[in-house]
PDB file of all heavy atoms in Angstrom:
ATOM      1  N   HIS A   1    -144.882 -14.797-170.844  1.00  0.00           N
ATOM      2  CA  HIS A   1    -144.998 -13.628-169.968  1.00  0.00           C
ATOM      3  C   HIS A   1    -143.694 -12.839-169.938  1.00  0.00           C
ATOM      4  O   HIS A   1    -143.695 -11.609-170.066  1.00  0.00           O
ATOM      5  CB  HIS A   1    -145.360 -14.067-168.535  1.00  0.00           C
ATOM      6  CG  HIS A   1    -145.374 -12.938-167.560  1.00  0.00           C
ATOM      7  ND1 HIS A   1    -146.464 -12.124-167.377  1.00  0.00           N
ATOM      8  CD2 HIS A   1    -144.408 -12.458-166.724  1.00  0.00           C
ATOM      9  CE1 HIS A   1    -146.178 -11.195-166.475  1.00  0.00           C
ATOM     10  NE2 HIS A   1    -144.946 -11.388-166.061  1.00  0.00           N
ATOM     11  N   ASN A   2    -142.568 -13.534-169.784  1.00  0.00           N
ATOM     12  CA  ASN A   2    -141.279 -12.846-169.728  1.00  0.00           C
ATOM     13  C   ASN A   2    -140.924 -12.192-171.060  1.00  0.00           C
ATOM     14  O   ASN A   2    -140.299 -11.127-171.098  1.00  0.00           O
ATOM     15  CB  ASN A   2    -140.179 -13.820-169.303  1.00  0.00           C
ATOM     16  CG  ASN A   2    -140.245 -14.162-167.831  1.00  0.00           C
ATOM     17  OD1 ASN A   2    -141.037 -13.582-167.083  1.00  0.00           O
ATOM     18  ND2 ASN A   2    -139.435 -15.107-167.390  1.00  0.00           N
ATOM     19  N   TRP A   3    -141.299 -12.841-172.152  1.00  0.00           N
ATOM     20  CA  TRP A   3    -141.075 -12.287-173.501  1.00  0.00           C
ATOM     21  C   TRP A   3    -141.787 -10.933-173.610  1.00  0.00           C
ATOM     22  O   TRP A   3    -141.196  -9.934-174.026  1.00  0.00           O
ATOM     23  CB  TRP A   3    -141.619 -13.276-174.531  1.00  0.00           C
ATOM     24  CG  TRP A   3    -141.486 -12.868-175.962  1.00  0.00           C
ATOM     25  CD1 TRP A   3    -142.244 -11.948-176.628  1.00  0.00           C
ATOM     26  CD2 TRP A   3    -140.552 -13.372-176.921  1.00  0.00           C
ATOM     27  NE1 TRP A   3    -141.849 -11.850-177.929  1.00  0.00           N
ATOM     28  CE2 TRP A   3    -140.823 -12.708-178.132  1.00  0.00           C
ATOM     29  CE3 TRP A   3    -139.540 -14.323-176.869  1.00  0.00           C
ATOM     30  CZ2 TRP A   3    -140.088 -12.958-179.305  1.00  0.00           C
ATOM     31  CZ3 TRP A   3    -138.810 -14.581-178.035  1.00  0.00           C
ATOM     32  CH2 TRP A   3    -139.083 -13.912-179.222  1.00  0.00           C
ATOM     33  N   LEU A   4    -143.065 -10.876-173.210  1.00  0.00           N
ATOM     34  CA  LEU A   4    -143.835  -9.638-173.302  1.00  0.00           C
ATOM     35  C   LEU A   4    -143.300  -8.577-172.348  1.00  0.00           C
ATOM     36  O   LEU A   4    -143.188  -7.396-172.709  1.00  0.00           O
ATOM     37  CB  LEU A   4    -145.312  -9.916-173.009  1.00  0.00           C
ATOM     38  CG  LEU A   4    -146.246  -8.704-173.075  1.00  0.00           C
ATOM     39  CD1 LEU A   4    -146.224  -8.087-174.465  1.00  0.00           C
ATOM     40  CD2 LEU A   4    -147.670  -9.107-172.689  1.00  0.00           C
ATOM     41  N   GLU A   5    -142.949  -8.987-171.129  1.00  0.00           N
ATOM     42  CA  GLU A   5    -142.438  -8.037-170.145  1.00  0.00           C
ATOM     43  C   GLU A   5    -141.135  -7.394-170.625  1.00  0.00           C
ATOM     44  O   GLU A   5    -140.950  -6.167-170.534  1.00  0.00           O
ATOM     45  CB  GLU A   5    -142.207  -8.727-168.800  1.00  0.00           C
ATOM     46  CG  GLU A   5    -141.713  -7.787-167.708  1.00  0.00           C
ATOM     47  CD  GLU A   5    -141.454  -8.481-166.385  1.00  0.00           C
ATOM     48  OE1 GLU A   5    -141.873  -9.642-166.210  1.00  0.00           O
ATOM     49  OE2 GLU A   5    -140.805  -7.849-165.522  1.00  0.00           O
ATOM     50  N   LEU A   6    -140.227  -8.210-171.152  1.00  0.00           N
ATOM     51  CA  LEU A   6    -138.944  -7.706-171.627  1.00  0.00           C
ATOM     52  C   LEU A   6    -139.136  -6.691-172.744  1.00  0.00           C
ATOM     53  O   LEU A   6    -138.579  -5.575-172.706  1.00  0.00           O
ATOM     54  CB  LEU A   6    -138.079  -8.874-172.118  1.00  0.00           C
ATOM     55  CG  LEU A   6    -136.743  -8.517-172.773  1.00  0.00           C
ATOM     56  CD1 LEU A   6    -135.795  -7.907-171.749  1.00  0.00           C
ATOM     57  CD2 LEU A   6    -136.110  -9.746-173.425  1.00  0.00           C
ATOM     58  N   ARG A   7    -139.918  -7.030-173.731  1.00  0.00           N
ATOM     59  CA  ARG A   7    -140.095  -6.160-174.892  1.00  0.00           C
ATOM     60  C   ARG A   7    -140.844  -4.880-174.528  1.00  0.00           C
ATOM     61  O   ARG A   7    -140.597  -3.820-175.119  1.00  0.00           O
ATOM     62  CB  ARG A   7    -140.821  -6.927-175.998  1.00  0.00           C
ATOM     63  CG  ARG A   7    -140.034  -8.134-176.506  1.00  0.00           C
ATOM     64  CD  ARG A   7    -140.846  -8.961-177.480  1.00  0.00           C
ATOM     65  NE  ARG A   7    -140.983  -8.271-178.747  1.00  0.00           N
ATOM     66  CZ  ARG A   7    -142.051  -8.370-179.533  1.00  0.00           C
ATOM     67  NH1 ARG A   7    -143.068  -9.132-179.153  1.00  0.00           N
ATOM     68  NH2 ARG A   7    -142.106  -7.735-180.677  1.00  0.00           N
ATOM     69  N   THR A   8    -141.734  -4.964-173.539  1.00  0.00           N
ATOM     70  CA  THR A   8    -142.489  -3.778-173.137  1.00  0.00           C
ATOM     71  C   THR A   8    -141.618  -2.773-172.409  1.00  0.00           C
ATOM     72  O   THR A   8    -141.628  -1.576-172.727  1.00  0.00           O
ATOM     73  CB  THR A   8    -143.681  -4.192-172.244  1.00  0.00           C
ATOM     74  OG1 THR A   8    -144.543  -5.072-172.980  1.00  0.00           O
ATOM     75  CG2 THR A   8    -144.483  -2.960-171.818  1.00  0.00           C
ATOM     76  N   PHE A   9    -140.832  -3.232-171.422  1.00  0.00           N
ATOM     77  CA  PHE A   9    -140.029  -2.241-170.702  1.00  0.00           C
ATOM     78  C   PHE A   9    -138.851  -1.739-171.539  1.00  0.00           C
ATOM     79  O   PHE A   9    -138.379  -0.614-171.347  1.00  0.00           O
ATOM     80  CB  PHE A   9    -139.591  -2.713-169.304  1.00  0.00           C
ATOM     81  CG  PHE A   9    -138.539  -3.780-169.224  1.00  0.00           C
ATOM     82  CD1 PHE A   9    -137.241  -3.576-169.650  1.00  0.00           C
ATOM     83  CD2 PHE A   9    -138.839  -5.015-168.646  1.00  0.00           C
ATOM     84  CE1 PHE A   9    -136.267  -4.559-169.547  1.00  0.00           C
ATOM     85  CE2 PHE A   9    -137.874  -6.000-168.533  1.00  0.00           C
ATOM     86  CZ  PHE A   9    -136.586  -5.765-168.984  1.00  0.00           C
ATOM     87  N   MET A  10    -138.385  -2.544-172.488  1.00  0.00           N
ATOM     88  CA  MET A  10    -137.351  -2.025-173.390  1.00  0.00           C
ATOM     89  C   MET A  10    -137.924  -0.910-174.266  1.00  0.00           C
ATOM     90  O   MET A  10    -137.248   0.103-174.527  1.00  0.00           O
ATOM     91  CB  MET A  10    -136.782  -3.153-174.255  1.00  0.00           C
ATOM     92  CG  MET A  10    -135.855  -4.100-173.511  1.00  0.00           C
ATOM     93  SD  MET A  10    -134.330  -3.312-172.909  1.00  0.00           S
ATOM     94  CE  MET A  10    -133.470  -3.015-174.470  1.00  0.00           C
ATOM     95  N   TRP A  11    -139.160  -1.058-174.715  1.00  0.00           N
ATOM     96  CA  TRP A  11    -139.807  -0.017-175.521  1.00  0.00           C
ATOM     97  C   TRP A  11    -140.028   1.246-174.690  1.00  0.00           C
ATOM     98  O   TRP A  11    -139.772   2.363-175.137  1.00  0.00           O
ATOM     99  CB  TRP A  11    -141.128  -0.531-176.078  1.00  0.00           C
ATOM    100  CG  TRP A  11    -141.847   0.487-176.916  1.00  0.00           C
ATOM    101  CD1 TRP A  11    -142.850   1.325-176.528  1.00  0.00           C
ATOM    102  CD2 TRP A  11    -141.589   0.789-178.289  1.00  0.00           C
ATOM    103  NE1 TRP A  11    -143.229   2.136-177.570  1.00  0.00           N
ATOM    104  CE2 TRP A  11    -142.485   1.822-178.662  1.00  0.00           C
ATOM    105  CE3 TRP A  11    -140.699   0.283-179.241  1.00  0.00           C
ATOM    106  CZ2 TRP A  11    -142.502   2.366-179.949  1.00  0.00           C
ATOM    107  CZ3 TRP A  11    -140.730   0.830-180.521  1.00  0.00           C
ATOM    108  CH2 TRP A  11    -141.616   1.850-180.859  1.00  0.00           C
ATOM    109  N   ASP A  12    -140.483   1.070-173.446  1.00  0.00           N
ATOM    110  CA  ASP A  12    -140.814   2.202-172.590  1.00  0.00           C
ATOM    111  C   ASP A  12    -139.579   2.932-172.071  1.00  0.00           C
ATOM    112  O   ASP A  12    -139.579   4.162-171.953  1.00  0.00           O
ATOM    113  CB  ASP A  12    -141.659   1.740-171.395  1.00  0.00           C
ATOM    114  CG  ASP A  12    -143.061   1.310-171.803  1.00  0.00           C
ATOM    115  OD1 ASP A  12    -143.512   1.715-172.891  1.00  0.00           O
ATOM    116  OD2 ASP A  12    -143.699   0.569-171.032  1.00  0.00           O
ATOM    117  N   TYR A  13    -138.505   2.201-171.751  1.00  0.00           N
ATOM    118  CA  TYR A  13    -137.366   2.786-171.049  1.00  0.00           C
ATOM    119  C   TYR A  13    -136.105   2.941-171.897  1.00  0.00           C
ATOM    120  O   TYR A  13    -135.204   3.695-171.536  1.00  0.00           O
ATOM    121  CB  TYR A  13    -137.017   1.940-169.815  1.00  0.00           C
ATOM    122  CG  TYR A  13    -138.113   1.855-168.773  1.00  0.00           C
ATOM    123  CD1 TYR A  13    -138.232   0.731-167.964  1.00  0.00           C
ATOM    124  CD2 TYR A  13    -139.026   2.887-168.587  1.00  0.00           C
ATOM    125  CE1 TYR A  13    -139.234   0.637-166.993  1.00  0.00           C
ATOM    126  CE2 TYR A  13    -140.035   2.808-167.634  1.00  0.00           C
ATOM    127  CZ  TYR A  13    -140.125   1.679-166.845  1.00  0.00           C
ATOM    128  OH  TYR A  13    -141.114   1.601-165.901  1.00  0.00           O
ATOM    129  N   VAL A  14    -135.998   2.205-172.989  1.00  0.00           N
ATOM    130  CA  VAL A  14    -134.746   2.198-173.772  1.00  0.00           C
ATOM    131  C   VAL A  14    -135.066   2.472-175.239  1.00  0.00           C
ATOM    132  O   VAL A  14    -134.490   1.873-176.136  1.00  0.00           O
ATOM    133  CB  VAL A  14    -133.996   0.859-173.602  1.00  0.00           C
ATOM    134  CG1 VAL A  14    -132.513   1.016-173.992  1.00  0.00           C
ATOM    135  CG2 VAL A  14    -134.085   0.327-172.187  1.00  0.00           C
ATOM    136  N   GLY A  15    -136.025   3.372-175.471  1.00  0.00           N
ATOM    137  CA  GLY A  15    -136.504   3.627-176.814  1.00  0.00           C
ATOM    138  C   GLY A  15    -135.795   4.765-177.520  1.00  0.00           C
ATOM    139  O   GLY A  15    -134.576   4.952-177.391  1.00  0.00           O
ATOM    140  N   ILE A  16    -136.564   5.584-178.232  1.00  0.00           N
ATOM    141  CA  ILE A  16    -136.005   6.638-179.078  1.00  0.00           C
ATOM    142  C   ILE A  16    -135.391   7.753-178.244  1.00  0.00           C
ATOM    143  O   ILE A  16    -134.333   8.286-178.573  1.00  0.00           O
ATOM    144  CB  ILE A  16    -137.104   7.186-180.018  1.00  0.00           C
ATOM    145  CG1 ILE A  16    -137.573   6.074-180.975  1.00  0.00           C
ATOM    146  CG2 ILE A  16    -136.604   8.380-180.815  1.00  0.00           C
ATOM    147  CD1 ILE A  16    -138.782   6.441-181.806  1.00  0.00           C
ATOM    148  N   VAL A  17    -136.050   8.124-177.139  1.00  0.00           N
ATOM    149  CA  VAL A  17    -135.551   9.141-176.210  1.00  0.00           C
ATOM    150  C   VAL A  17    -135.337   8.488-174.851  1.00  0.00           C
ATOM    151  O   VAL A  17    -136.243   7.849-174.310  1.00  0.00           O
ATOM    152  CB  VAL A  17    -136.516  10.326-176.101  1.00  0.00           C
ATOM    153  CG1 VAL A  17    -136.011  11.348-175.088  1.00  0.00           C
ATOM    154  CG2 VAL A  17    -136.709  10.993-177.463  1.00  0.00           C
ATOM    155  N   ARG A  18    -134.146   8.654-174.276  1.00  0.00           N
ATOM    156  CA  ARG A  18    -133.768   7.935-173.055  1.00  0.00           C
ATOM    157  C   ARG A  18    -133.406   8.900-171.931  1.00  0.00           C
ATOM    158  O   ARG A  18    -133.102  10.064-172.164  1.00  0.00           O
ATOM    159  CB  ARG A  18    -132.571   7.004-173.348  1.00  0.00           C
ATOM    160  CG  ARG A  18    -132.863   5.965-174.415  1.00  0.00           C
ATOM    161  CD  ARG A  18    -131.618   5.333-174.999  1.00  0.00           C
ATOM    162  NE  ARG A  18    -131.951   4.296-175.969  1.00  0.00           N
ATOM    163  CZ  ARG A  18    -131.069   3.673-176.742  1.00  0.00           C
ATOM    164  NH1 ARG A  18    -129.772   3.972-176.665  1.00  0.00           N
ATOM    165  NH2 ARG A  18    -131.473   2.746-177.586  1.00  0.00           N
ATOM    166  N   THR A  19    -133.440   8.389-170.705  1.00  0.00           N
ATOM    167  CA  THR A  19    -132.896   9.098-169.545  1.00  0.00           C
ATOM    168  C   THR A  19    -132.140   8.081-168.699  1.00  0.00           C
ATOM    169  O   THR A  19    -132.380   6.864-168.807  1.00  0.00           O
ATOM    170  CB  THR A  19    -133.999   9.733-168.674  1.00  0.00           C
ATOM    171  OG1 THR A  19    -134.766   8.698-168.047  1.00  0.00           O
ATOM    172  CG2 THR A  19    -134.918  10.635-169.489  1.00  0.00           C
ATOM    173  N   THR A  20    -131.263   8.584-167.834  1.00  0.00           N
ATOM    174  CA  THR A  20    -130.506   7.678-166.973  1.00  0.00           C
ATOM    175  C   THR A  20    -131.434   6.904-166.050  1.00  0.00           C
ATOM    176  O   THR A  20    -131.245   5.697-165.836  1.00  0.00           O
ATOM    177  CB  THR A  20    -129.478   8.475-166.151  1.00  0.00           C
ATOM    178  OG1 THR A  20    -128.584   9.137-167.052  1.00  0.00           O
ATOM    179  CG2 THR A  20    -128.681   7.564-165.234  1.00  0.00           C
ATOM    180  N   LYS A  21    -132.441   7.557-165.522  1.00  0.00           N
ATOM    181  CA  LYS A  21    -133.368   6.889-164.615  1.00  0.00           C
ATOM    182  C   LYS A  21    -134.116   5.761-165.319  1.00  0.00           C
ATOM    183  O   LYS A  21    -134.270   4.667-164.777  1.00  0.00           O
ATOM    184  CB  LYS A  21    -134.363   7.896-164.027  1.00  0.00           C
ATOM    185  CG  LYS A  21    -135.303   7.301-162.981  1.00  0.00           C
ATOM    186  CD  LYS A  21    -136.145   8.361-162.303  1.00  0.00           C
ATOM    187  CE  LYS A  21    -135.301   9.191-161.364  1.00  0.00           C
ATOM    188  NZ  LYS A  21    -136.132  10.146-160.570  1.00  0.00           N
ATOM    189  N   ARG A  22    -134.566   6.025-166.547  1.00  0.00           N
ATOM    190  CA  ARG A  22    -135.254   4.971-167.306  1.00  0.00           C
ATOM    191  C   ARG A  22    -134.317   3.791-167.582  1.00  0.00           C
ATOM    192  O   ARG A  22    -134.716   2.629-167.485  1.00  0.00           O
ATOM    193  CB  ARG A  22    -135.779   5.534-168.636  1.00  0.00           C
ATOM    194  CG  ARG A  22    -136.913   6.525-168.510  1.00  0.00           C
ATOM    195  CD  ARG A  22    -137.263   7.073-169.888  1.00  0.00           C
ATOM    196  NE  ARG A  22    -138.142   8.234-169.806  1.00  0.00           N
ATOM    197  CZ  ARG A  22    -138.416   9.029-170.836  1.00  0.00           C
ATOM    198  NH1 ARG A  22    -137.864   8.788-172.026  1.00  0.00           N
ATOM    199  NH2 ARG A  22    -139.221  10.061-170.680  1.00  0.00           N
ATOM    200  N   LEU A  23    -133.084   4.106-167.948  1.00  0.00           N
ATOM    201  CA  LEU A  23    -132.125   3.042-168.235  1.00  0.00           C
ATOM    202  C   LEU A  23    -131.821   2.217-166.989  1.00  0.00           C
ATOM    203  O   LEU A  23    -131.691   0.986-167.066  1.00  0.00           O
ATOM    204  CB  LEU A  23    -130.834   3.634-168.796  1.00  0.00           C
ATOM    205  CG  LEU A  23    -130.925   4.264-170.201  1.00  0.00           C
ATOM    206  CD1 LEU A  23    -129.630   4.989-170.539  1.00  0.00           C
ATOM    207  CD2 LEU A  23    -131.248   3.212-171.256  1.00  0.00           C
ATOM    208  N   GLU A  24    -131.719   2.861-165.835  1.00  0.00           N
ATOM    209  CA  GLU A  24    -131.465   2.128-164.592  1.00  0.00           C
ATOM    210  C   GLU A  24    -132.649   1.238-164.223  1.00  0.00           C
ATOM    211  O   GLU A  24    -132.464   0.118-163.714  1.00  0.00           O
ATOM    212  CB  GLU A  24    -131.149   3.114-163.468  1.00  0.00           C
ATOM    213  CG  GLU A  24    -129.773   3.763-163.627  1.00  0.00           C
ATOM    214  CD  GLU A  24    -129.541   4.874-162.625  1.00  0.00           C
ATOM    215  OE1 GLU A  24    -130.525   5.343-161.988  1.00  0.00           O
ATOM    216  OE2 GLU A  24    -128.370   5.302-162.467  1.00  0.00           O
ATOM    217  N   ARG A  25    -133.857   1.726-164.474  1.00  0.00           N
ATOM    218  CA  ARG A  25    -135.033   0.886-164.250  1.00  0.00           C
ATOM    219  C   ARG A  25    -134.997  -0.339-165.164  1.00  0.00           C
ATOM    220  O   ARG A  25    -135.287  -1.461-164.732  1.00  0.00           O
ATOM    221  CB  ARG A  25    -136.308   1.690-164.514  1.00  0.00           C
ATOM    222  CG  ARG A  25    -136.641   2.705-163.426  1.00  0.00           C
ATOM    223  CD  ARG A  25    -137.802   3.581-163.858  1.00  0.00           C
ATOM    224  NE  ARG A  25    -138.174   4.541-162.827  1.00  0.00           N
ATOM    225  CZ  ARG A  25    -138.930   5.606-163.029  1.00  0.00           C
ATOM    226  NH1 ARG A  25    -139.387   5.862-164.241  1.00  0.00           N
ATOM    227  NH2 ARG A  25    -139.218   6.419-162.030  1.00  0.00           N
ATOM    228  N   ALA A  26    -134.646  -0.111-166.409  1.00  0.00           N
ATOM    229  CA  ALA A  26    -134.558  -1.231-167.352  1.00  0.00           C
ATOM    230  C   ALA A  26    -133.478  -2.210-166.925  1.00  0.00           C
ATOM    231  O   ALA A  26    -133.669  -3.434-166.992  1.00  0.00           O
ATOM    232  CB  ALA A  26    -134.270  -0.702-168.760  1.00  0.00           C
ATOM    233  N   GLN A  27    -132.332  -1.705-166.481  1.00  0.00           N
ATOM    234  CA  GLN A  27    -131.236  -2.582-166.060  1.00  0.00           C
ATOM    235  C   GLN A  27    -131.666  -3.484-164.909  1.00  0.00           C
ATOM    236  O   GLN A  27    -131.354  -4.683-164.896  1.00  0.00           O
ATOM    237  CB  GLN A  27    -130.024  -1.747-165.664  1.00  0.00           C
ATOM    238  CG  GLN A  27    -128.786  -2.576-165.345  1.00  0.00           C
ATOM    239  CD  GLN A  27    -127.580  -1.705-165.054  1.00  0.00           C
ATOM    240  OE1 GLN A  27    -127.676  -0.719-164.315  1.00  0.00           O
ATOM    241  NE2 GLN A  27    -126.445  -2.042-165.654  1.00  0.00           N
ATOM    242  N   HIS A  28    -132.376  -2.923-163.952  1.00  0.00           N
ATOM    243  CA  HIS A  28    -132.851  -3.711-162.810  1.00  0.00           C
ATOM    244  C   HIS A  28    -133.780  -4.834-163.275  1.00  0.00           C
ATOM    245  O   HIS A  28    -133.646  -5.989-162.829  1.00  0.00           O
ATOM    246  CB  HIS A  28    -133.575  -2.793-161.823  1.00  0.00           C
ATOM    247  CG  HIS A  28    -134.172  -3.507-160.651  1.00  0.00           C
ATOM    248  ND1 HIS A  28    -133.408  -4.157-159.692  1.00  0.00           N
ATOM    249  CD2 HIS A  28    -135.477  -3.693-160.281  1.00  0.00           C
ATOM    250  CE1 HIS A  28    -134.200  -4.702-158.779  1.00  0.00           C
ATOM    251  NE2 HIS A  28    -135.451  -4.429-159.118  1.00  0.00           N
ATOM    252  N   ARG A  29    -134.663  -4.525-164.183  1.00  0.00           N
ATOM    253  CA  ARG A  29    -135.609  -5.537-164.676  1.00  0.00           C
ATOM    254  C   ARG A  29    -134.905  -6.594-165.528  1.00  0.00           C
ATOM    255  O   ARG A  29    -135.253  -7.771-165.480  1.00  0.00           O
ATOM    256  CB  ARG A  29    -136.740  -4.853-165.445  1.00  0.00           C
ATOM    257  CG  ARG A  29    -137.756  -4.190-164.516  1.00  0.00           C
ATOM    258  CD  ARG A  29    -138.575  -3.108-165.226  1.00  0.00           C
ATOM    259  NE  ARG A  29    -139.613  -2.571-164.356  1.00  0.00           N
ATOM    260  CZ  ARG A  29    -139.394  -1.697-163.385  1.00  0.00           C
ATOM    261  NH1 ARG A  29    -138.164  -1.274-163.151  1.00  0.00           N
ATOM    262  NH2 ARG A  29    -140.393  -1.252-162.642  1.00  0.00           N
ATOM    263  N   VAL A  30    -133.920  -6.163-166.296  1.00  0.00           N
ATOM    264  CA  VAL A  30    -133.149  -7.120-167.100  1.00  0.00           C
ATOM    265  C   VAL A  30    -132.445  -8.125-166.193  1.00  0.00           C
ATOM    266  O   VAL A  30    -132.441  -9.337-166.459  1.00  0.00           O
ATOM    267  CB  VAL A  30    -132.117  -6.386-167.992  1.00  0.00           C
ATOM    268  CG1 VAL A  30    -131.097  -7.367-168.551  1.00  0.00           C
ATOM    269  CG2 VAL A  30    -132.814  -5.675-169.143  1.00  0.00           C
TER     270      VAL A  30
END
């Protein structure tokens, strides 16, 4: 479950096009 969750939010929030808000969301989940 954690493997899938990590890879999914990294794709959604830290992908080809980024924003500060997306990166902060990813940081919290990490």
